[in-house]
Protein backbone atom coordinates (compact mmCIF):
# COMPACT_ATOMS: atom_id res chain seq x y z
CA UNK A 1 151.86 158.29 -7.71
CA UNK A 2 151.12 154.90 -9.55
CA UNK A 3 148.19 152.71 -9.08
CA UNK A 4 150.16 149.95 -7.50
CA UNK A 5 151.03 152.53 -4.65
CA UNK A 6 147.79 153.52 -3.87
CA UNK A 7 146.20 151.95 -0.47
CA UNK A 8 142.89 149.76 -1.09
CA UNK A 9 140.73 152.62 0.13
CA UNK A 10 141.70 154.86 -2.59
CA UNK A 11 141.39 152.14 -5.15
CA UNK A 12 137.93 151.41 -4.17
CA UNK A 13 137.01 155.21 -4.51
CA UNK A 14 138.48 155.02 -8.00
CA UNK A 15 136.97 151.79 -8.71
CA UNK A 16 133.37 152.85 -7.59
CA UNK A 17 133.69 155.91 -10.10
CA UNK A 18 134.32 153.21 -12.94
CA UNK A 19 138.15 153.55 -13.23
CA UNK A 20 139.18 150.44 -15.34
CA UNK A 21 142.66 150.97 -14.26
CA UNK A 22 141.70 150.63 -10.59
CA UNK A 23 139.70 147.61 -11.37
CA UNK A 24 142.77 146.00 -12.97
CA UNK A 25 144.83 147.03 -10.21
CA UNK A 26 142.56 145.21 -7.52
CA UNK A 27 142.47 142.47 -9.92
CA UNK A 28 146.10 142.09 -10.24
CA UNK A 29 146.63 142.77 -6.60
CA UNK A 30 144.08 139.96 -5.42
CA UNK A 31 143.57 137.51 -8.23
CA UNK A 32 146.00 135.02 -6.75
CA UNK A 33 145.22 135.25 -3.21
CA UNK A 34 141.51 134.72 -4.32
CA UNK A 35 142.20 132.04 -6.41
CA UNK A 36 144.31 130.31 -3.57
CA UNK A 37 141.58 130.80 -0.91
CA UNK A 38 138.80 129.16 -3.65
CA UNK A 39 141.26 126.21 -4.48
CA UNK A 40 142.04 125.61 -0.87
CA UNK A 41 138.37 124.91 -0.02
CA UNK A 42 137.36 122.99 -3.33
CA UNK A 43 140.79 121.37 -4.27
CA UNK A 44 139.68 121.99 -8.07
CA UNK A 45 141.76 124.16 -10.13
CA UNK A 46 139.30 124.80 -12.67
CA UNK A 47 136.52 125.28 -10.26
CA UNK A 48 138.42 127.70 -8.23
CA UNK A 49 139.46 129.79 -11.50
CA UNK A 50 136.11 130.06 -12.53
CA UNK A 51 134.88 130.99 -9.43
CA UNK A 52 137.33 133.79 -9.28
CA UNK A 53 136.78 134.80 -12.99
CA UNK A 54 132.91 134.88 -12.38
CA UNK A 55 133.48 137.11 -9.39
CA UNK A 56 135.37 139.58 -10.86
CA UNK A 57 133.23 139.80 -13.72
CA UNK A 58 130.27 140.52 -11.45
CA UNK A 59 132.51 142.78 -9.32
CA UNK A 60 132.99 144.89 -12.33
CA UNK A 61 129.56 144.76 -13.80
CA UNK A 62 128.04 145.53 -10.35
CA UNK A 63 130.46 148.52 -9.25
CA UNK A 64 127.68 151.00 -9.12
CA UNK A 65 125.70 149.19 -6.76
CA UNK A 66 128.72 148.01 -4.55
CA UNK A 67 129.00 149.84 -1.32
CA UNK A 68 132.42 148.49 0.39
CA UNK A 69 132.29 149.54 4.22
CA UNK A 70 134.88 146.98 5.45
CA UNK A 71 138.27 146.62 4.18
CA UNK A 72 138.54 145.62 0.52
CA UNK A 73 140.59 142.71 1.43
CA UNK A 74 138.04 141.32 3.98
CA UNK A 75 134.95 142.15 1.23
CA UNK A 76 137.01 140.40 -1.48
CA UNK A 77 137.77 137.01 0.75
CA UNK A 78 134.07 137.04 1.95
CA UNK A 79 132.73 137.06 -1.42
CA UNK A 80 134.90 134.40 -2.54
CA UNK A 81 134.05 132.29 0.46
CA UNK A 82 130.23 132.59 -0.46
CA UNK A 83 131.08 131.95 -4.02
CA UNK A 84 132.59 128.56 -3.01
CA UNK A 85 129.65 127.60 -0.50
CA UNK A 86 127.03 128.37 -3.55
CA UNK A 87 129.38 126.33 -5.90
CA UNK A 88 129.38 123.35 -3.39
CA UNK A 89 125.65 123.79 -2.67
CA UNK A 90 124.96 123.55 -6.50
CA UNK A 91 127.37 120.43 -6.90
CA UNK A 92 125.52 118.81 -4.06
CA UNK A 93 122.18 119.40 -5.80
CA UNK A 94 123.88 117.96 -9.21
CA UNK A 95 125.09 115.08 -7.43
CA UNK A 96 121.49 114.34 -5.79
CA UNK A 97 119.65 114.54 -9.15
CA UNK A 98 122.03 112.39 -10.85
CA UNK A 99 121.90 110.00 -7.97
CA UNK A 100 117.96 110.00 -8.32
CA UNK A 101 118.11 109.47 -12.26
CA UNK A 102 120.35 106.72 -11.61
CA UNK A 103 117.99 105.11 -9.17
CA UNK A 104 115.11 105.63 -11.59
CA UNK A 105 116.94 104.29 -14.44
CA UNK A 106 118.17 101.15 -12.52
CA UNK A 107 114.46 100.62 -11.06
CA UNK A 108 112.97 100.89 -14.68
CA UNK A 109 114.38 97.91 -16.30
CA UNK A 110 111.57 95.75 -15.93
CA UNK A 111 108.48 96.95 -17.81
CA UNK A 112 106.04 94.07 -16.66
CA UNK A 113 106.83 94.83 -12.88
CA UNK A 114 106.26 98.55 -13.52
CA UNK A 115 103.24 97.96 -15.02
CA UNK A 116 101.90 95.92 -12.41
CA UNK A 117 103.08 98.22 -9.60
CA UNK A 118 101.49 100.93 -11.66
CA UNK A 119 98.11 98.91 -11.91
CA UNK A 120 98.14 98.24 -7.97
CA UNK A 121 99.09 101.97 -7.17
CA UNK A 122 96.11 103.18 -9.43
CA UNK A 123 93.61 100.83 -7.78
CA UNK A 124 94.96 101.87 -4.08
CA UNK A 125 94.61 105.37 -4.80
CA UNK A 126 91.25 105.26 -6.67
CA UNK A 127 89.90 103.25 -3.90
CA UNK A 128 91.14 105.81 -1.18
CA UNK A 129 89.74 108.60 -3.14
CA UNK A 130 86.33 106.87 -3.31
CA UNK A 131 86.49 106.85 0.72
CA UNK A 132 86.91 110.77 0.48
CA UNK A 133 83.79 113.36 1.40
CA UNK A 134 82.26 114.40 -1.94
CA UNK A 135 83.44 117.95 -1.73
CA UNK A 136 87.05 116.57 -0.93
CA UNK A 137 87.05 114.12 -3.80
CA UNK A 138 85.86 116.59 -6.05
CA UNK A 139 88.66 118.99 -5.27
CA UNK A 140 91.21 116.25 -5.15
CA UNK A 141 90.27 114.81 -8.74
CA UNK A 142 89.87 118.65 -10.07
CA UNK A 143 93.55 119.24 -9.02
CA UNK A 144 95.14 115.94 -9.81
CA UNK A 145 93.29 114.28 -12.57
CA UNK A 146 92.21 117.54 -14.37
CA UNK A 147 95.24 119.75 -13.67
CA UNK A 148 93.47 122.75 -12.47
CA UNK A 149 95.03 125.23 -10.00
CA UNK A 150 93.75 126.13 -6.70
CA UNK A 151 92.36 129.32 -8.39
CA UNK A 152 90.34 127.43 -10.98
CA UNK A 153 89.05 125.05 -8.70
CA UNK A 154 87.89 127.71 -6.15
CA UNK A 155 85.98 129.46 -9.03
CA UNK A 156 84.58 126.20 -10.55
CA UNK A 157 83.24 125.07 -7.04
CA UNK A 158 82.50 128.55 -5.44
CA UNK A 159 84.81 128.27 -2.54
CA UNK A 160 87.85 130.15 -1.17
CA UNK A 161 91.10 129.07 -2.24
CA UNK A 162 92.08 128.38 1.31
CA UNK A 163 89.21 125.96 1.28
CA UNK A 164 90.68 124.45 -1.67
CA UNK A 165 93.97 123.99 -0.04
CA UNK A 166 92.39 122.61 3.18
CA UNK A 167 90.56 119.96 0.91
CA UNK A 168 93.81 118.88 -0.81
CA UNK A 169 95.73 118.69 2.62
CA UNK A 170 92.91 116.51 4.03
CA UNK A 171 92.94 114.37 1.09
CA UNK A 172 96.70 113.72 0.51
CA UNK A 173 96.84 113.22 4.53
CA UNK A 174 94.07 110.55 4.17
CA UNK A 175 95.62 108.81 1.33
CA UNK A 176 99.21 108.77 2.85
CA UNK A 177 97.38 106.98 6.04
CA UNK A 178 95.19 104.45 3.98
CA UNK A 179 97.31 103.82 0.70
CA UNK A 180 100.31 101.64 0.89
CA UNK A 181 102.83 104.18 1.34
CA UNK A 182 105.86 102.42 -0.68
CA UNK A 183 103.39 102.40 -3.98
CA UNK A 184 102.30 105.89 -3.24
CA UNK A 185 105.96 107.37 -3.05
CA UNK A 186 106.44 105.43 -6.55
CA UNK A 187 103.36 107.33 -7.95
CA UNK A 188 104.48 110.80 -6.99
CA UNK A 189 108.17 109.93 -7.97
CA UNK A 190 107.42 108.69 -11.39
CA UNK A 191 104.44 111.10 -12.19
């Protein structure tokens, strides 16, 4: 019996044993169908091809760990569906990142204005930090000015890491309420 005559269940058994011919038969049997499914969701030829190729590469490499309990076709189409969703999610993240970069580039064309805004921000933050209780202020300054980790701060001040977290939460909450919010957003965005 030739491989192209075998049912999917038998192909899976051979594939899981590392039979390259079984893999090639699965590939030939399903590549175009999976490509069509990916293309219908994306409407991008290259992306659909790349997703299917990446899937089949991973499918072969991870064959020893795979346990296909449903139909092969169902497994393959589900895998492609999730691969497409992951691709779209990654593209959305890239698009958002590019948009943020453009906004940052567009807003940073006036160095004088940036300097004045930065000075106002630092004055506002410093004023707010001065209003914090002493222990809270120490924790905040060690964290934000000296870039110490919560663990390092806890050791330096002989307090628990949870107490450090509580002081930082309290400080940030106070600053959010008492410092000009738009300036504070700029500070954390451009820092």
